Amino acid sequence: MNVTLVYPRWDYPTFGQLQEPLGLLHIGAVLKARGHQVEFFDLAVDRIERVDESIAHADLVGISSSTVLFGRAALVLRRVKERRPDLPVIVGGPHATLRTEDAVMRGFDAAVVGEGEYTMLDLVEAIEKGKPLHGIAGSAARDGDRVVFGPDRGFEPDLDVFPDPDRTLVDYRKYFADDIEYVGMMSSRGCPYNCLFCKPMLDKMHGMRVRRRSARRVAREMANIASSLGHTRFLFKDDTMVLGGSEFFVDFERELAVAGLPDPRWVCQARVDQITPPLLEQMKRCGVEAIAFGVESGSQKVLDFFRKGIKIEQTIRTFDLCHELGIGTLAFVMLGAPVETREDLEATVRLIERIRPDSLSFSIATPGPGNSLHDYAVEQEIRNVEAIEENDYQYNTRPLKLSLVSAADVAWAANAILDAVPNAFYKDEMRARANRLAEGA
């Protein structure tokens, strides 16, 4: 079967290096391992006309989409159906998982619900054999004016059974910019925490139980990338890499040496309550050069509202440890919580001044499909945007009606934390975003 995979993110703002869509590269690898032919297009870097050329000989199209990108996914669907009305088009990703009926009733032939590797493979092979798409585990398909769900598939417990993402599907030269050349990696799936702005969405995508790839598989993939692409800097995108603790990183150090990659450099994400001095020292021996932390707020009240499960003291201690060991730090800050006051914003500014991150990124608390913040916003009737897909998660400005602070207060805090981090990456872009808050853009 000839399969065309599409990631529909044209005209979508991104700060920093554009990242390859690892999920679709995983899907592509699984399909190719079973003998299918795959072409992949990321519309941030590929022209839509290339998709037109590909579907001329395709047997089906797969599109992955978040809710923010779903309008674009629907446009690609329409374009495909105008050219080849009978060509099956399957949608997957967060929107298909969280709003399955909406996705299917927009005209897609089927939706992948949750983890996609096995489900997409089964859908492709059903189409190849001329079988109906109804009843396939982990999927949903249209039957007249209703959506029929297949059995729940669950999650593959052993991530090592999946092949590595097929990086031959992309041209990495299109992704590297501004001397930033990180290749994306994943070492785990699943998150056991309960943050208001992520859950339960992440549970539906990857489960609450953390599933890990072995240190050997991760190290070998990094070595293969270094050999094939010539790059030895990596960005781990998973939220829970550090949950493996020192045991994982002891194995990781050994396996990196066995794989012939003695001096890699990599960046990851972690929680401040996961970090200990021995763990940081072991991570440094494995090549970590920076860690991004979800600091979120300098107010314990706001952290508790977000159900973050961390303490301000843990944030201070962790950043101090990183500075002592020469490990770079990035702080993610979330402003605009419904319970936030001017005093809370001032506490956040003071915390950023105290912990001195090397870089910083801020976002505005935004309700989205599948997160508990959305449920709270609906209950409290404080949404500014009724249609969730209209929220812009990169340049979001006023997704919630805030009664305790003004937009100018939030803009002040955003500018103040940027002032506290002189060398923050993409500071001008973030400053412009902060100023739009005050302008009411």
Protein backbone atom coordinates (compact mmCIF):
# COMPACT_ATOMS: atom_id res chain seq x y z
CA MET A 1 0.00 0.00 0.00
CA ASN A 2 1.13 3.54 -0.77
CA VAL A 3 0.51 5.71 2.29
CA THR A 4 0.75 9.51 2.39
CA LEU A 5 1.23 10.98 5.89
CA VAL A 6 0.60 14.69 6.48
CA TYR A 7 1.23 17.05 9.40
CA PRO A 8 -0.89 20.16 8.64
CA ARG A 9 0.88 23.00 10.45
CA TRP A 10 1.41 25.72 7.85
CA ASP A 11 1.38 29.35 9.02
CA TYR A 12 1.71 28.21 12.62
CA PRO A 13 4.12 30.22 14.81
CA THR A 14 6.99 28.40 16.46
CA PHE A 15 9.68 29.78 18.76
CA GLY A 16 13.06 28.14 18.44
CA GLN A 17 13.94 25.21 16.27
CA LEU A 18 11.07 23.64 14.38
CA GLN A 19 10.72 20.08 15.64
CA GLU A 20 10.10 17.01 13.53
CA PRO A 21 6.72 15.29 14.19
CA LEU A 22 8.03 12.16 15.87
CA GLY A 23 4.59 10.58 16.18
CA LEU A 24 4.12 10.35 12.42
CA LEU A 25 7.71 9.20 11.97
CA HIS A 26 6.91 6.34 14.37
CA ILE A 27 3.81 5.50 12.33
CA GLY A 28 5.84 5.61 9.13
CA ALA A 29 8.43 3.24 10.58
CA VAL A 30 5.80 0.69 11.63
CA LEU A 31 4.12 0.78 8.22
CA LYS A 32 7.39 0.45 6.32
CA ALA A 33 8.44 -2.48 8.52
CA ARG A 34 5.35 -4.31 7.21
CA GLY A 35 6.23 -3.59 3.60
CA HIS A 36 4.11 -0.50 2.93
CA GLN A 37 5.43 2.50 1.01
CA VAL A 38 5.31 5.80 2.92
CA GLU A 39 5.67 9.45 1.96
CA PHE A 40 5.58 12.13 4.65
CA PHE A 41 4.87 15.85 4.39
CA ASP A 42 5.16 18.46 7.14
CA LEU A 43 3.36 21.49 5.75
CA ALA A 44 5.53 23.80 7.85
CA VAL A 45 8.38 22.98 5.47
CA ASP A 46 6.75 21.22 2.48
CA ARG A 47 4.50 22.76 -0.16
CA ILE A 48 0.90 21.53 -0.27
CA GLU A 49 1.41 20.86 -3.98
CA ARG A 50 3.73 18.00 -3.02
CA VAL A 51 0.82 16.38 -1.21
CA ASP A 52 -1.24 16.73 -4.40
CA GLU A 53 1.46 14.88 -6.31
CA SER A 54 1.67 12.16 -3.66
CA ILE A 55 -2.05 11.43 -3.45
CA ALA A 56 -2.19 10.86 -7.19
CA HIS A 57 -0.70 7.41 -6.53
CA ALA A 58 -1.63 6.94 -2.85
CA ASP A 59 -3.88 4.19 -1.51
CA LEU A 60 -4.73 6.17 1.61
CA VAL A 61 -3.83 9.35 3.50
CA GLY A 62 -3.12 9.72 7.22
CA ILE A 63 -3.26 13.11 8.94
CA SER A 64 -2.22 13.81 12.53
CA SER A 65 -3.69 16.86 14.23
CA SER A 66 -4.10 18.63 17.53
CA THR A 67 -7.24 20.66 18.13
CA VAL A 68 -5.45 23.89 17.25
CA LEU A 69 -4.43 22.43 13.89
CA PHE A 70 -7.70 20.65 13.19
CA GLY A 71 -9.07 23.39 10.95
CA ARG A 72 -6.00 22.95 8.79
CA ALA A 73 -6.42 19.17 8.86
CA ALA A 74 -9.99 19.61 7.60
CA LEU A 75 -8.70 21.79 4.75
CA VAL A 76 -6.24 19.07 3.72
CA LEU A 77 -9.08 16.53 3.89
CA ARG A 78 -11.22 18.69 1.60
CA ARG A 79 -8.34 19.13 -0.83
CA VAL A 80 -7.76 15.37 -0.97
CA LYS A 81 -11.44 14.54 -1.45
CA GLU A 82 -11.81 17.14 -4.21
CA ARG A 83 -9.07 15.40 -6.16
CA ARG A 84 -9.81 11.80 -5.21
CA PRO A 85 -13.22 11.46 -3.55
CA ASP A 86 -12.87 7.73 -2.87
CA LEU A 87 -9.37 7.89 -1.37
CA PRO A 88 -9.57 6.87 2.33
CA VAL A 89 -8.36 9.56 4.74
CA ILE A 90 -7.61 8.65 8.37
CA VAL A 91 -7.09 11.19 11.15
CA GLY A 92 -5.15 10.65 14.37
CA GLY A 93 -3.56 12.66 17.14
CA PRO A 94 -4.97 14.57 20.12
CA HIS A 95 -8.12 15.94 18.45
CA ALA A 96 -9.14 12.57 17.03
CA THR A 97 -8.60 11.03 20.46
CA LEU A 98 -10.40 13.68 22.49
CA ARG A 99 -13.18 14.69 20.08
CA THR A 100 -13.55 11.57 18.03
CA GLU A 101 -17.12 12.06 16.87
CA ASP A 102 -16.37 15.61 15.71
CA ALA A 103 -13.31 14.41 13.79
CA VAL A 104 -15.09 11.56 12.02
CA MET A 105 -18.24 13.50 11.20
CA ARG A 106 -16.14 16.19 9.50
CA GLY A 107 -15.63 13.68 6.70
CA PHE A 108 -12.68 11.50 7.70
CA ASP A 109 -13.14 7.83 6.92
CA ALA A 110 -11.77 6.73 10.29
CA ALA A 111 -10.02 8.06 13.38
CA VAL A 112 -7.18 6.61 15.43
CA VAL A 113 -8.01 6.93 19.13
CA GLY A 114 -4.99 7.02 21.43
CA GLU A 115 -1.64 5.41 20.66
CA GLY A 116 -1.43 5.01 16.92
CA GLU A 117 1.15 2.46 15.78
CA TYR A 118 -0.89 -0.74 15.88
CA THR A 119 -4.22 0.90 15.10
CA MET A 120 -2.94 2.65 11.99
CA LEU A 121 -1.34 -0.57 10.81
CA ASP A 122 -4.63 -2.45 11.25
CA LEU A 123 -6.58 0.26 9.41
CA VAL A 124 -4.12 0.24 6.51
CA GLU A 125 -4.30 -3.53 6.20
CA ALA A 126 -8.11 -3.50 6.42
CA ILE A 127 -8.20 -1.06 3.49
CA GLU A 128 -5.70 -3.21 1.61
CA LYS A 129 -7.96 -6.26 2.02
CA GLY A 130 -11.15 -4.36 1.23
CA LYS A 131 -12.56 -4.91 4.71
CA PRO A 132 -14.80 -2.42 6.57
CA LEU A 133 -13.13 -0.05 9.01
CA HIS A 134 -15.73 -0.58 11.73
CA GLY A 135 -14.73 -2.56 14.78
CA ILE A 136 -10.95 -2.17 14.59
CA ALA A 137 -9.47 -1.83 18.07
CA GLY A 138 -8.38 1.70 18.93
CA SER A 139 -10.35 3.34 16.12
CA ALA A 140 -13.69 4.85 15.20
CA ALA A 141 -15.39 5.00 11.81
CA ARG A 142 -18.51 6.50 10.35
CA ASP A 143 -21.54 4.32 9.69
CA GLY A 144 -24.22 6.47 8.10
CA ASP A 145 -25.07 9.26 10.51
CA ARG A 146 -23.35 7.69 13.52
CA VAL A 147 -19.81 7.00 14.67
CA VAL A 148 -18.96 3.40 15.55
CA PHE A 149 -16.11 2.78 18.01
CA GLY A 150 -13.96 -0.31 17.97
CA PRO A 151 -12.79 -1.97 21.21
CA ASP A 152 -10.33 -0.10 23.38
CA ARG A 153 -6.79 -1.08 22.41
CA GLY A 154 -4.89 0.02 25.47
CA PHE A 155 -1.18 0.76 25.40
CA GLU A 156 1.79 -1.34 24.35
CA PRO A 157 3.69 -2.03 27.60
CA ASP A 158 7.08 -2.62 25.95
CA LEU A 159 8.14 0.37 23.87
CA ASP A 160 11.21 -1.52 22.65
CA VAL A 161 8.99 -3.55 20.31
CA PHE A 162 8.43 -0.46 18.15
CA PRO A 163 11.02 0.41 15.50
CA ASP A 164 12.85 3.71 15.78
CA PRO A 165 11.17 6.68 14.08
CA ASP A 166 11.95 6.61 10.36
CA ARG A 167 14.04 9.74 9.98
CA THR A 168 14.64 9.11 6.28
CA LEU A 169 11.13 10.49 5.76
CA VAL A 170 12.26 14.04 6.55
CA ASP A 171 14.98 16.40 5.39
CA TYR A 172 16.55 17.63 8.62
CA ARG A 173 18.12 20.59 6.88
CA LYS A 174 14.63 22.11 6.82
CA TYR A 175 14.36 21.90 10.60
CA PHE A 176 17.68 23.31 11.71
CA ALA A 177 17.80 27.09 12.14
CA ASP A 178 19.73 29.76 14.02
CA ASP A 179 22.56 27.33 14.76
CA ILE A 180 20.17 25.15 16.78
CA GLU A 181 20.51 21.56 15.66
CA TYR A 182 18.74 19.31 18.13
CA VAL A 183 17.32 16.02 16.89
CA GLY A 184 14.13 15.00 18.68
CA MET A 185 14.03 11.85 20.83
CA MET A 186 11.59 10.03 23.10
CA SER A 187 12.64 7.76 25.95
CA SER A 188 9.25 7.19 27.56
CA ARG A 189 5.48 7.62 27.30
CA GLY A 190 2.91 8.26 29.99
CA CYS A 191 2.77 10.59 32.99
CA PRO A 192 1.59 9.77 36.54
CA TYR A 193 0.95 13.39 37.56
CA ASN A 194 -2.31 15.32 37.48
CA CYS A 195 -1.65 18.88 36.32
CA LEU A 196 -4.80 20.87 35.55
CA PHE A 197 -3.59 22.03 32.14
CA CYS A 198 -2.52 18.58 30.84
CA LYS A 199 -4.78 15.98 32.37
CA PRO A 200 -6.69 13.84 31.63
CA MET A 201 -5.78 14.54 27.98
CA LEU A 202 -2.31 12.98 28.29
CA ASP A 203 -3.77 9.88 29.92
CA LYS A 204 -5.97 9.27 26.87
CA MET A 205 -3.01 9.69 24.55
CA HIS A 206 -0.33 7.77 26.44
CA GLY A 207 -1.70 6.50 29.75
CA MET A 208 -0.84 7.36 33.34
CA ARG A 209 1.66 4.54 33.76
CA VAL A 210 5.14 5.46 32.61
CA ARG A 211 6.43 3.10 29.93
CA ARG A 212 10.12 3.33 29.17
CA ARG A 213 12.37 2.39 26.32
CA SER A 214 15.47 0.60 27.49
CA ALA A 215 18.67 2.58 27.87
CA ARG A 216 20.20 0.32 25.22
CA ARG A 217 17.56 1.19 22.60
CA VAL A 218 17.80 4.90 23.33
CA ALA A 219 21.60 4.91 23.14
CA ARG A 220 21.64 2.88 19.92
CA GLU A 221 19.13 5.21 18.28
CA MET A 222 21.29 8.21 19.23
CA ALA A 223 24.36 6.49 17.78
CA ASN A 224 22.48 5.71 14.56
CA ILE A 225 21.44 9.35 14.26
CA ALA A 226 25.01 10.49 14.82
CA SER A 227 26.18 8.11 12.10
CA SER A 228 23.46 8.87 9.54
CA LEU A 229 22.87 12.59 10.15
CA GLY A 230 26.15 13.66 11.69
CA HIS A 231 24.44 15.25 14.69
CA THR A 232 25.16 14.52 18.34
CA ARG A 233 22.81 17.00 20.03
CA PHE A 234 19.43 15.69 21.08
CA LEU A 235 16.20 17.02 22.54
CA PHE A 236 14.20 14.54 24.62
CA LYS A 237 10.57 15.51 24.24
CA ASP A 238 9.02 13.21 26.82
CA ASP A 239 7.88 14.60 30.16
CA THR A 240 9.14 11.72 32.27
CA MET A 241 12.66 10.82 31.18
CA VAL A 242 14.02 11.59 34.65
CA LEU A 243 11.50 9.32 36.38
CA GLY A 244 13.82 6.44 35.54
CA GLY A 245 16.09 7.76 38.28
CA SER A 246 19.77 7.05 38.69
CA GLU A 247 19.34 3.40 37.68
CA PHE A 248 18.30 4.38 34.16
CA PHE A 249 21.15 6.86 33.78
CA VAL A 250 23.76 4.39 35.07
CA ASP A 251 22.61 2.02 32.31
CA PHE A 252 22.43 4.92 29.86
CA GLU A 253 26.05 5.94 30.50
CA ARG A 254 27.22 2.38 29.89
CA GLU A 255 25.10 1.90 26.77
CA LEU A 256 26.26 5.19 25.24
CA ALA A 257 29.85 3.95 25.52
CA VAL A 258 28.92 0.55 24.07
CA ALA A 259 27.14 2.26 21.17
CA GLY A 260 30.25 4.29 20.40
CA LEU A 261 28.78 7.66 21.38
CA PRO A 262 30.97 8.78 24.27
CA ASP A 263 30.23 12.52 24.21
CA PRO A 264 26.64 13.33 23.23
CA ARG A 265 24.91 16.54 24.29
CA TRP A 266 21.24 16.55 25.12
CA VAL A 267 18.41 18.52 26.67
CA CYS A 268 15.39 17.15 28.51
CA GLN A 269 12.42 18.13 30.63
CA ALA A 270 12.01 17.32 34.31
CA ARG A 271 10.05 18.23 37.41
CA VAL A 272 11.82 20.08 40.20
CA ASP A 273 10.68 17.45 42.72
CA GLN A 274 12.49 14.68 40.82
CA ILE A 275 15.98 16.11 41.12
CA THR A 276 18.68 15.03 43.59
CA PRO A 277 22.41 15.84 43.56
CA PRO A 278 23.45 12.24 42.69
CA LEU A 279 20.91 12.10 39.87
CA LEU A 280 22.11 15.39 38.38
CA GLU A 281 25.72 14.25 38.57
CA GLN A 282 24.84 11.01 36.79
CA MET A 283 22.88 12.89 34.12
CA LYS A 284 25.84 15.17 33.55
CA ARG A 285 28.10 12.16 33.00
CA CYS A 286 25.61 11.06 30.33
CA GLY A 287 25.87 14.39 28.51
CA VAL A 288 22.97 16.54 29.70
CA GLU A 289 23.63 20.19 28.90
CA ALA A 290 20.31 21.75 29.94
CA ILE A 291 17.04 20.85 31.64
CA ALA A 292 13.67 22.55 31.16
CA PHE A 293 11.47 22.75 34.26
CA GLY A 294 7.80 23.59 34.66
CA VAL A 295 8.20 26.34 37.24
CA GLU A 296 4.75 27.76 36.37
CA SER A 297 4.38 30.23 39.26
CA GLY A 298 6.03 31.76 42.29
CA SER A 299 2.79 31.48 44.23
CA GLN A 300 2.10 28.26 46.11
CA LYS A 301 -1.61 29.01 45.86
CA VAL A 302 -1.42 29.10 42.06
CA LEU A 303 0.72 25.95 41.94
CA ASP A 304 -1.86 24.15 44.05
CA PHE A 305 -4.66 25.39 41.78
CA PHE A 306 -2.76 23.92 38.84
CA ARG A 307 -2.43 20.64 40.83
CA LYS A 308 1.27 20.79 40.06
CA GLY A 309 2.33 18.89 43.17
CA ILE A 310 5.54 20.85 43.75
CA LYS A 311 6.75 23.36 46.34
CA ILE A 312 8.47 26.69 45.77
CA GLU A 313 11.38 25.50 47.92
CA GLN A 314 11.93 22.55 45.56
CA THR A 315 12.15 24.91 42.60
CA ILE A 316 14.77 27.06 44.32
CA ARG A 317 16.82 24.06 45.46
CA THR A 318 16.77 22.41 42.03
CA PHE A 319 17.85 25.52 40.15
CA ASP A 320 20.64 26.11 42.68
CA LEU A 321 21.87 22.54 42.14
CA CYS A 322 21.87 22.95 38.36
CA HIS A 323 23.81 26.20 38.61
CA GLU A 324 26.38 24.54 40.91
CA LEU A 325 26.95 21.71 38.41
CA GLY A 326 27.01 23.94 35.34
CA ILE A 327 23.82 22.47 33.86
CA GLY A 328 21.77 24.96 31.88
CA THR A 329 18.19 25.69 32.91
CA LEU A 330 15.00 26.79 31.22
CA ALA A 331 11.92 27.83 33.17
CA PHE A 332 8.41 27.38 31.81
CA VAL A 333 6.04 29.90 33.42
CA MET A 334 2.25 29.91 33.13
CA LEU A 335 0.46 33.20 33.73
CA GLY A 336 -3.23 34.07 33.82
CA ALA A 337 -4.63 31.48 36.22
CA PRO A 338 -8.21 32.36 37.23
CA VAL A 339 -7.18 32.52 40.92
CA GLU A 340 -4.11 34.68 40.28
CA THR A 341 -3.81 38.10 41.92
CA ARG A 342 -1.34 40.93 41.42
CA GLU A 343 0.50 39.67 44.50
CA ASP A 344 0.80 36.22 42.93
CA LEU A 345 2.21 37.73 39.74
CA GLU A 346 4.73 39.70 41.80
CA ALA A 347 5.73 36.48 43.60
CA THR A 348 6.39 34.84 40.23
CA VAL A 349 8.63 37.72 39.17
CA ARG A 350 10.56 37.46 42.45
CA LEU A 351 10.99 33.70 42.01
CA ILE A 352 12.40 34.08 38.50
CA GLU A 353 14.80 36.74 39.77
CA ARG A 354 15.87 34.33 42.54
CA ILE A 355 16.36 31.15 40.50
CA ARG A 356 18.10 32.89 37.55
CA PRO A 357 17.19 30.51 34.70
CA ASP A 358 19.38 30.63 31.62
CA SER A 359 16.30 30.92 29.45
CA LEU A 360 12.58 31.22 29.90
CA SER A 361 9.29 30.74 28.11
CA PHE A 362 5.89 31.87 29.28
CA SER A 363 2.40 30.80 28.30
CA ILE A 364 -1.09 31.90 29.23
CA ALA A 365 -3.33 29.42 31.03
CA THR A 366 -5.57 28.13 28.25
CA PRO A 367 -8.51 25.72 28.47
CA GLY A 368 -8.32 22.98 25.89
CA PRO A 369 -10.18 19.79 25.04
CA GLY A 370 -9.38 17.09 27.51
CA ASN A 371 -7.76 19.25 30.17
CA SER A 372 -9.36 19.90 33.54
CA LEU A 373 -8.79 23.63 33.16
CA HIS A 374 -11.37 23.56 30.37
CA ASP A 375 -13.90 21.85 32.64
CA TYR A 376 -13.23 24.45 35.34
CA ALA A 377 -13.63 27.31 32.87
CA VAL A 378 -16.95 25.93 31.63
CA GLU A 379 -18.26 25.48 35.18
CA GLN A 380 -17.20 29.00 36.15
CA GLU A 381 -18.36 30.50 32.83
CA ILE A 382 -15.05 32.27 32.30
CA ARG A 383 -14.13 31.23 28.78
CA ASN A 384 -13.44 34.09 26.39
CA VAL A 385 -13.42 31.80 23.35
CA GLU A 386 -16.34 29.41 22.98
CA ALA A 387 -14.86 27.39 20.10
CA ILE A 388 -11.83 25.68 21.62
CA GLU A 389 -10.09 25.32 18.27
CA GLU A 390 -9.97 29.12 18.03
CA ASN A 391 -7.59 29.30 20.97
CA ASP A 392 -4.06 29.93 19.78
CA TYR A 393 -1.77 28.03 22.10
CA GLN A 394 1.35 29.82 20.88
CA TYR A 395 0.15 33.40 20.69
CA ASN A 396 -2.80 33.02 23.06
CA THR A 397 -3.76 36.29 24.68
CA ARG A 398 -7.00 36.24 26.67
CA PRO A 399 -8.50 32.75 26.65
CA LEU A 400 -10.04 33.25 30.13
CA LYS A 401 -12.02 36.06 31.71
CA LEU A 402 -9.85 37.11 34.64
CA SER A 403 -11.55 38.94 37.49
CA LEU A 404 -8.65 39.35 39.93
CA VAL A 405 -6.08 40.88 37.58
CA SER A 406 -6.19 42.90 34.38
CA ALA A 407 -4.61 42.04 31.06
CA ALA A 408 -2.17 44.86 31.78
CA ASP A 409 -1.14 43.12 35.03
CA VAL A 410 -0.42 39.88 33.19
CA ALA A 411 1.49 41.76 30.49
CA TRP A 412 3.52 43.50 33.18
CA ALA A 413 4.46 40.17 34.75
CA ALA A 414 5.41 38.69 31.39
CA ASN A 415 7.70 41.61 30.62
CA ALA A 416 9.15 41.59 34.13
CA ILE A 417 10.17 37.93 34.00
CA LEU A 418 11.70 38.52 30.58
CA ASP A 419 13.67 41.43 32.05
CA ALA A 420 14.97 39.05 34.72
CA VAL A 421 16.46 36.67 32.13
CA PRO A 422 18.77 38.77 29.92
CA ASN A 423 19.79 35.92 27.62
CA ALA A 424 16.41 34.27 27.10
CA PHE A 425 16.04 32.72 23.66
CA TYR A 426 13.63 34.46 21.27
CA LYS A 427 13.11 37.28 23.71
CA ASP A 428 11.84 39.73 21.10
CA GLU A 429 9.10 37.34 19.99
CA MET A 430 8.01 36.68 23.56
CA ARG A 431 8.10 40.41 24.32
CA ALA A 432 5.78 41.02 21.38
CA ARG A 433 3.43 38.35 22.70
CA ALA A 434 3.44 40.00 26.14
CA ASN A 435 2.65 43.39 24.65
CA ARG A 436 -0.30 41.98 22.73
CA LEU A 437 -1.84 41.05 26.06
CA ALA A 438 -2.01 44.68 27.10
CA GLU A 439 -3.16 45.79 23.66
CA GLY A 440 -6.06 43.33 23.66
CA ALA A 441 -4.92 41.67 20.43
